Amino acid sequence: MARAFLYVRDDCEHCESLRQRLADDGDEVVEINVTREPRVITELLKLTAGRRIVPVLVRGGVIEVTPDGGSTF
């Protein structure tokens, strides 16, 4: 089981889809919600090269920006 960090926002269908896929795969997910924790946006922007988009998955040293489609904020 891999530990994953998942950046999401409220009301994001792409975030929910990825969250469910990770759960189905048995991954341990630490969810970081930019709507509820806006202080993490600076960190997210570093991961996305300045793009305000979610979901972003960080797992095993690999950053995946919107692997199956995304939502801007």
Protein backbone atom coordinates (compact mmCIF):
# COMPACT_ATOMS: atom_id res chain seq x y z
CA MET A 1 0.00 0.00 0.00
CA ALA A 2 1.48 3.32 -1.11
CA ARG A 3 0.96 6.57 0.77
CA ALA A 4 -0.40 9.32 -1.45
CA PHE A 5 -1.00 13.02 -0.95
CA LEU A 6 -4.06 14.24 -2.84
CA TYR A 7 -4.76 17.95 -3.34
CA VAL A 8 -8.48 18.58 -3.92
CA ARG A 9 -11.14 21.26 -3.64
CA ASP A 10 -14.80 21.14 -2.65
CA ASP A 11 -17.31 20.21 -5.37
CA CYS A 12 -14.73 18.73 -7.76
CA GLU A 13 -15.99 15.67 -9.64
CA HIS A 14 -12.48 14.84 -10.89
CA CYS A 15 -11.21 14.91 -7.31
CA GLU A 16 -13.95 12.55 -6.18
CA SER A 17 -13.26 10.16 -9.05
CA LEU A 18 -9.54 10.02 -8.26
CA ARG A 19 -10.23 9.70 -4.52
CA GLN A 20 -12.43 6.67 -5.22
CA ARG A 21 -9.87 5.06 -7.53
CA LEU A 22 -7.15 5.43 -4.89
CA ALA A 23 -9.43 3.91 -2.25
CA ASP A 24 -10.25 1.00 -4.56
CA ASP A 25 -6.50 0.46 -5.10
CA GLY A 26 -5.96 0.38 -1.32
CA ASP A 27 -3.71 3.42 -1.23
CA GLU A 28 -3.38 5.35 2.02
CA VAL A 29 -4.46 8.89 1.10
CA VAL A 30 -3.70 12.11 2.92
CA GLU A 31 -6.18 14.58 1.50
CA ILE A 32 -5.31 18.28 1.33
CA ASN A 33 -8.31 20.48 0.54
CA VAL A 34 -7.38 23.90 -0.89
CA THR A 35 -10.90 25.22 -0.27
CA ARG A 36 -10.71 24.51 3.45
CA GLU A 37 -6.96 25.12 3.83
CA PRO A 38 -6.11 28.03 1.50
CA ARG A 39 -2.65 28.36 3.05
CA VAL A 40 -1.59 25.25 1.07
CA ILE A 41 -2.26 26.93 -2.29
CA THR A 42 1.32 28.24 -2.40
CA GLU A 43 2.59 24.66 -2.06
CA LEU A 44 0.17 23.46 -4.73
CA LEU A 45 1.31 26.17 -7.15
CA LYS A 46 4.88 24.92 -6.79
CA LEU A 47 3.77 21.40 -7.68
CA THR A 48 1.76 22.54 -10.71
CA ALA A 49 4.19 25.15 -12.11
CA GLY A 50 1.75 27.93 -11.21
CA ARG A 51 -1.47 26.32 -12.41
CA ARG A 52 -4.48 26.65 -10.11
CA ILE A 53 -5.91 23.21 -10.81
CA VAL A 54 -6.85 20.05 -8.88
CA PRO A 55 -6.65 17.14 -8.33
CA VAL A 56 -2.93 16.79 -7.87
CA LEU A 57 -1.55 13.48 -6.70
CA VAL A 58 1.88 13.11 -5.11
CA ARG A 59 2.90 9.50 -4.62
CA GLY A 60 6.29 7.85 -4.46
CA GLY A 61 8.07 11.05 -5.42
CA VAL A 62 5.97 11.41 -8.58
CA ILE A 63 3.66 14.41 -9.12
CA GLU A 64 0.57 13.81 -11.26
CA VAL A 65 -1.33 16.96 -12.18
CA THR A 66 -4.95 16.14 -13.04
CA PRO A 67 -4.28 12.55 -14.15
CA ASP A 68 -7.87 12.04 -15.34
CA GLY A 69 -9.07 15.61 -15.89
CA GLY A 70 -9.20 18.57 -13.55
CA SER A 71 -10.99 21.58 -12.18
CA THR A 72 -9.55 25.06 -11.88
CA PHE A 73 -10.06 27.28 -8.86
